[in-house]
Each structure stands twice: as C-alpha cells, then as structure tokens.
Amino acid sequence: MNGVAQQIALAIQNERLQQEKVGQERLQQELQLARRIQETFLPTHLPESPAGNWTSAGKTARQVGGDFYDVIRLHKNRLALVIADVSTRASRQRFT
C-alpha cells in the first residue's frame, strides 16, 4: 500500500510540475509577444531638426516596459516631443 501511495504521490507531483512548466512557458511567450507589440509603438527613426539631431535609446528592466516616446513634426520648423510612462501600480488595480 505504501509503495502504491508513494507512486501516486509522485505522479501527482510530476503532473503539477509539468503544469507549472507549461504555464511558465506560456507566460514567456505572452511576454515576448507583448514586447514585440510594444516595439511597434516606438518610432523607428526620428525627424531631422534645425536645432540638432535627435537620438533615442531604451532598455526595459524586464521583457516589457511601460515607456512610450515619439517625436512628431507639427509643421516645417516645429516638433513635438511626447514622453509617457505607464505606472505598474495603476495597472494592478481591479476595476469591477
């Protein structure tokens, strides 16, 4: 009886570990997709300006960040710089 119980307990533990592994793999895939989507929101090039050259760089702390920036040409000699950040605290709030 003990041997059968141990085998059943081991099988249950293995199944839980497998489910956890599948869940972690799914989470990694979703984070990679979210990162690719986020990268499409960021500009691939910045407009030229008579005031100087623009450059940008960024590195997220994890796979996905909440930062957004863009430089928008308003008209011939005017540009708008947009910088935004998503607060993780606000994203944790539950709305019902």
N, C-alpha and C. Protein backbone atom coordinates (compact mmCIF):
# COMPACT_ATOMS: atom_id res chain seq x y z
N MET A 1 0.81 -1.19 0.00
CA MET A 1 0.00 0.00 0.00
C MET A 1 0.86 1.26 0.00
N ASN A 2 1.90 1.28 0.83
CA ASN A 2 2.77 2.45 0.90
C ASN A 2 3.44 2.71 -0.44
N GLY A 3 3.87 1.65 -1.11
CA GLY A 3 4.54 1.79 -2.40
C GLY A 3 3.61 2.39 -3.43
N VAL A 4 2.35 1.94 -3.46
CA VAL A 4 1.37 2.48 -4.40
C VAL A 4 1.08 3.93 -4.06
N ALA A 5 0.93 4.23 -2.79
CA ALA A 5 0.65 5.61 -2.37
C ALA A 5 1.80 6.53 -2.75
N GLN A 6 3.03 6.07 -2.60
CA GLN A 6 4.20 6.86 -2.97
C GLN A 6 4.23 7.11 -4.48
N GLN A 7 3.90 6.09 -5.26
CA GLN A 7 3.88 6.24 -6.72
C GLN A 7 2.79 7.23 -7.15
N ILE A 8 1.64 7.15 -6.51
CA ILE A 8 0.55 8.09 -6.83
C ILE A 8 0.96 9.51 -6.46
N ALA A 9 1.56 9.67 -5.28
CA ALA A 9 2.01 11.00 -4.84
C ALA A 9 3.06 11.54 -5.80
N LEU A 10 3.96 10.72 -6.26
CA LEU A 10 4.99 11.14 -7.21
C LEU A 10 4.38 11.53 -8.55
N ALA A 11 3.40 10.74 -9.00
CA ALA A 11 2.72 11.05 -10.26
C ALA A 11 1.98 12.38 -10.16
N ILE A 12 1.33 12.63 -9.03
CA ILE A 12 0.61 13.90 -8.83
C ILE A 12 1.60 15.06 -8.82
N GLN A 13 2.71 14.89 -8.12
CA GLN A 13 3.73 15.94 -8.07
C GLN A 13 4.31 16.21 -9.46
N ASN A 14 4.58 15.17 -10.21
CA ASN A 14 5.11 15.34 -11.58
C ASN A 14 4.11 16.07 -12.46
N GLU A 15 2.83 15.76 -12.31
CA GLU A 15 1.79 16.43 -13.10
C GLU A 15 1.73 17.91 -12.74
N ARG A 16 1.81 18.23 -11.46
CA ARG A 16 1.80 19.64 -11.04
C ARG A 16 3.01 20.39 -11.59
N LEU A 17 4.18 19.75 -11.52
CA LEU A 17 5.38 20.39 -12.05
C LEU A 17 5.27 20.61 -13.56
N GLN A 18 4.71 19.65 -14.26
CA GLN A 18 4.51 19.78 -15.71
C GLN A 18 3.56 20.93 -16.02
N GLN A 19 2.47 21.02 -15.27
CA GLN A 19 1.51 22.12 -15.47
C GLN A 19 2.16 23.48 -15.19
N GLU A 20 3.00 23.53 -14.16
CA GLU A 20 3.70 24.77 -13.83
C GLU A 20 4.67 25.15 -14.95
N LYS A 21 5.37 24.16 -15.49
CA LYS A 21 6.30 24.40 -16.59
C LYS A 21 5.56 24.92 -17.82
N VAL A 22 4.43 24.32 -18.14
CA VAL A 22 3.63 24.77 -19.29
C VAL A 22 3.14 26.20 -19.06
N GLY A 23 2.72 26.50 -17.83
CA GLY A 23 2.27 27.85 -17.50
C GLY A 23 3.39 28.87 -17.64
N GLN A 24 4.58 28.53 -17.20
CA GLN A 24 5.72 29.43 -17.31
C GLN A 24 6.10 29.65 -18.77
N GLU A 25 6.06 28.60 -19.57
CA GLU A 25 6.37 28.73 -20.99
C GLU A 25 5.34 29.62 -21.69
N ARG A 26 4.08 29.47 -21.33
CA ARG A 26 3.01 30.30 -21.90
C ARG A 26 3.22 31.76 -21.51
N LEU A 27 3.58 32.01 -20.26
CA LEU A 27 3.83 33.36 -19.80
C LEU A 27 5.00 33.98 -20.57
N GLN A 28 6.07 33.23 -20.78
CA GLN A 28 7.21 33.73 -21.54
C GLN A 28 6.81 34.08 -22.97
N GLN A 29 5.99 33.25 -23.59
CA GLN A 29 5.53 33.53 -24.96
C GLN A 29 4.69 34.80 -24.99
N GLU A 30 3.81 34.98 -24.00
CA GLU A 30 2.97 36.17 -23.94
C GLU A 30 3.82 37.42 -23.70
N LEU A 31 4.85 37.32 -22.86
CA LEU A 31 5.73 38.46 -22.63
C LEU A 31 6.51 38.82 -23.89
N GLN A 32 6.96 37.82 -24.64
CA GLN A 32 7.66 38.08 -25.88
C GLN A 32 6.74 38.76 -26.89
N LEU A 33 5.51 38.31 -26.98
CA LEU A 33 4.54 38.93 -27.87
C LEU A 33 4.27 40.37 -27.44
N ALA A 34 4.10 40.60 -26.15
CA ALA A 34 3.86 41.95 -25.64
C ALA A 34 5.04 42.86 -25.95
N ARG A 35 6.25 42.34 -25.85
CA ARG A 35 7.43 43.14 -26.16
C ARG A 35 7.45 43.52 -27.64
N ARG A 36 7.14 42.56 -28.51
CA ARG A 36 7.12 42.86 -29.95
C ARG A 36 6.04 43.90 -30.27
N ILE A 37 4.89 43.78 -29.62
CA ILE A 37 3.83 44.77 -29.84
C ILE A 37 4.28 46.14 -29.35
N GLN A 38 4.88 46.19 -28.18
CA GLN A 38 5.34 47.46 -27.64
C GLN A 38 6.37 48.09 -28.57
N GLU A 39 7.26 47.32 -29.13
CA GLU A 39 8.29 47.85 -30.02
C GLU A 39 7.68 48.48 -31.27
N THR A 40 6.51 48.02 -31.69
CA THR A 40 5.87 48.61 -32.87
C THR A 40 5.33 50.01 -32.58
N PHE A 41 5.14 50.36 -31.31
CA PHE A 41 4.66 51.69 -30.95
C PHE A 41 5.78 52.73 -30.94
N LEU A 42 7.02 52.28 -30.81
CA LEU A 42 8.14 53.21 -30.73
C LEU A 42 8.61 53.57 -32.13
N PRO A 43 9.05 54.81 -32.34
CA PRO A 43 9.46 55.24 -33.68
C PRO A 43 10.72 54.50 -34.14
N THR A 44 10.77 54.20 -35.42
CA THR A 44 11.96 53.55 -35.99
C THR A 44 13.01 54.58 -36.40
N HIS A 45 12.59 55.81 -36.66
CA HIS A 45 13.52 56.90 -36.94
C HIS A 45 12.91 58.19 -36.40
N LEU A 46 13.78 59.15 -36.13
CA LEU A 46 13.34 60.43 -35.59
C LEU A 46 13.54 61.50 -36.65
N PRO A 47 12.66 62.50 -36.69
CA PRO A 47 12.78 63.53 -37.73
C PRO A 47 14.01 64.41 -37.53
N GLU A 48 14.48 64.96 -38.62
CA GLU A 48 15.59 65.91 -38.55
C GLU A 48 15.08 67.23 -38.01
N SER A 49 15.97 67.95 -37.34
CA SER A 49 15.60 69.23 -36.74
C SER A 49 16.71 70.24 -36.98
N PRO A 50 16.37 71.49 -37.29
CA PRO A 50 17.41 72.51 -37.42
C PRO A 50 18.12 72.78 -36.10
N ALA A 51 17.48 72.45 -34.99
CA ALA A 51 18.07 72.69 -33.66
C ALA A 51 19.12 71.64 -33.30
N GLY A 52 19.13 70.53 -33.98
CA GLY A 52 20.10 69.47 -33.66
C GLY A 52 19.57 68.11 -34.03
N ASN A 53 20.37 67.12 -33.77
CA ASN A 53 19.99 65.74 -34.08
C ASN A 53 19.33 65.08 -32.88
N TRP A 54 18.35 64.27 -33.15
CA TRP A 54 17.66 63.51 -32.12
C TRP A 54 18.22 62.09 -32.12
N THR A 55 18.30 61.53 -30.95
CA THR A 55 18.66 60.12 -30.84
C THR A 55 17.89 59.55 -29.66
N SER A 56 17.70 58.26 -29.67
CA SER A 56 16.96 57.63 -28.57
C SER A 56 17.57 56.27 -28.27
N ALA A 57 17.38 55.85 -27.03
CA ALA A 57 17.82 54.53 -26.60
C ALA A 57 16.96 54.14 -25.41
N GLY A 58 16.76 52.88 -25.26
CA GLY A 58 15.98 52.41 -24.13
C GLY A 58 16.29 50.96 -23.81
N LYS A 59 16.13 50.63 -22.57
CA LYS A 59 16.32 49.25 -22.13
C LYS A 59 15.33 48.99 -21.01
N THR A 60 14.45 48.04 -21.21
CA THR A 60 13.47 47.73 -20.17
C THR A 60 14.13 46.92 -19.05
N ALA A 61 13.61 47.09 -17.86
CA ALA A 61 14.12 46.34 -16.73
C ALA A 61 13.77 44.86 -16.87
N ARG A 62 12.66 44.60 -17.50
CA ARG A 62 12.22 43.24 -17.76
C ARG A 62 11.89 43.14 -19.23
N GLN A 63 11.14 42.17 -19.62
CA GLN A 63 10.85 41.99 -21.04
C GLN A 63 9.91 43.04 -21.60
N VAL A 64 9.05 43.58 -20.77
CA VAL A 64 8.08 44.55 -21.24
C VAL A 64 8.13 45.76 -20.31
N GLY A 65 8.17 46.93 -20.91
CA GLY A 65 8.19 48.16 -20.13
C GLY A 65 6.95 48.97 -20.41
N GLY A 66 6.78 50.04 -19.68
CA GLY A 66 5.61 50.88 -19.87
C GLY A 66 5.94 52.23 -20.48
N ASP A 67 7.14 52.34 -21.06
CA ASP A 67 7.56 53.63 -21.60
C ASP A 67 7.12 53.80 -23.04
N PHE A 68 6.85 55.05 -23.40
CA PHE A 68 6.49 55.40 -24.77
C PHE A 68 7.08 56.76 -25.07
N TYR A 69 7.59 56.94 -26.27
CA TYR A 69 8.06 58.24 -26.70
C TYR A 69 7.84 58.36 -28.20
N ASP A 70 7.77 59.60 -28.65
CA ASP A 70 7.67 59.86 -30.09
C ASP A 70 8.02 61.32 -30.32
N VAL A 71 8.49 61.60 -31.50
CA VAL A 71 8.75 62.96 -31.93
C VAL A 71 7.88 63.17 -33.16
N ILE A 72 7.04 64.20 -33.10
CA ILE A 72 6.07 64.42 -34.16
C ILE A 72 6.33 65.79 -34.80
N ARG A 73 6.44 65.80 -36.11
CA ARG A 73 6.61 67.07 -36.81
C ARG A 73 5.26 67.77 -36.88
N LEU A 74 5.18 68.97 -36.28
CA LEU A 74 3.95 69.75 -36.30
C LEU A 74 3.82 70.52 -37.60
N HIS A 75 4.88 71.21 -37.98
CA HIS A 75 5.00 71.83 -39.30
C HIS A 75 6.47 72.08 -39.54
N LYS A 76 6.81 72.84 -40.52
CA LYS A 76 8.18 72.94 -41.03
C LYS A 76 9.26 72.99 -39.95
N ASN A 77 9.20 73.91 -39.02
CA ASN A 77 10.26 74.08 -38.02
C ASN A 77 9.81 73.78 -36.59
N ARG A 78 8.73 73.07 -36.43
CA ARG A 78 8.25 72.78 -35.07
C ARG A 78 8.06 71.28 -34.90
N LEU A 79 8.55 70.79 -33.76
CA LEU A 79 8.41 69.38 -33.42
C LEU A 79 7.77 69.27 -32.05
N ALA A 80 7.07 68.20 -31.82
CA ALA A 80 6.51 67.90 -30.50
C ALA A 80 7.18 66.64 -29.98
N LEU A 81 7.61 66.69 -28.76
CA LEU A 81 8.21 65.53 -28.10
C LEU A 81 7.19 64.97 -27.12
N VAL A 82 6.85 63.70 -27.27
CA VAL A 82 5.88 63.04 -26.41
C VAL A 82 6.61 61.97 -25.61
N ILE A 83 6.48 62.03 -24.29
CA ILE A 83 7.07 61.03 -23.41
C ILE A 83 5.98 60.56 -22.45
N ALA A 84 5.82 59.26 -22.33
CA ALA A 84 4.79 58.73 -21.45
C ALA A 84 5.32 57.50 -20.72
N ASP A 85 4.76 57.24 -19.57
CA ASP A 85 5.13 56.07 -18.78
C ASP A 85 3.86 55.51 -18.14
N VAL A 86 3.72 54.20 -18.20
CA VAL A 86 2.58 53.54 -17.60
C VAL A 86 2.99 53.09 -16.20
N SER A 87 2.22 53.48 -15.23
CA SER A 87 2.50 53.10 -13.85
C SER A 87 2.03 51.68 -13.60
N THR A 88 2.92 50.83 -13.09
CA THR A 88 2.53 49.45 -12.79
C THR A 88 1.55 49.40 -11.63
N ARG A 89 1.61 50.37 -10.76
CA ARG A 89 0.70 50.38 -9.62
C ARG A 89 -0.74 50.52 -10.09
N ALA A 90 -0.98 51.43 -11.03
CA ALA A 90 -2.34 51.65 -11.55
C ALA A 90 -2.81 50.41 -12.28
N SER A 91 -1.92 49.71 -12.96
CA SER A 91 -2.33 48.54 -13.73
C SER A 91 -2.72 47.37 -12.83
N ARG A 92 -2.34 47.43 -11.56
CA ARG A 92 -2.68 46.35 -10.63
C ARG A 92 -4.05 46.54 -9.99
N GLN A 93 -4.61 47.71 -10.14
CA GLN A 93 -5.91 47.97 -9.52
C GLN A 93 -6.98 47.14 -10.22
N ARG A 94 -7.92 46.69 -9.46
CA ARG A 94 -9.02 45.92 -10.02
C ARG A 94 -10.21 46.81 -10.23
N PHE A 95 -10.77 46.73 -11.42
CA PHE A 95 -11.94 47.52 -11.74
C PHE A 95 -13.11 46.55 -11.93
N THR A 96 -14.21 46.84 -11.27
CA THR A 96 -15.39 45.97 -11.40
C THR A 96 -16.57 46.74 -11.91
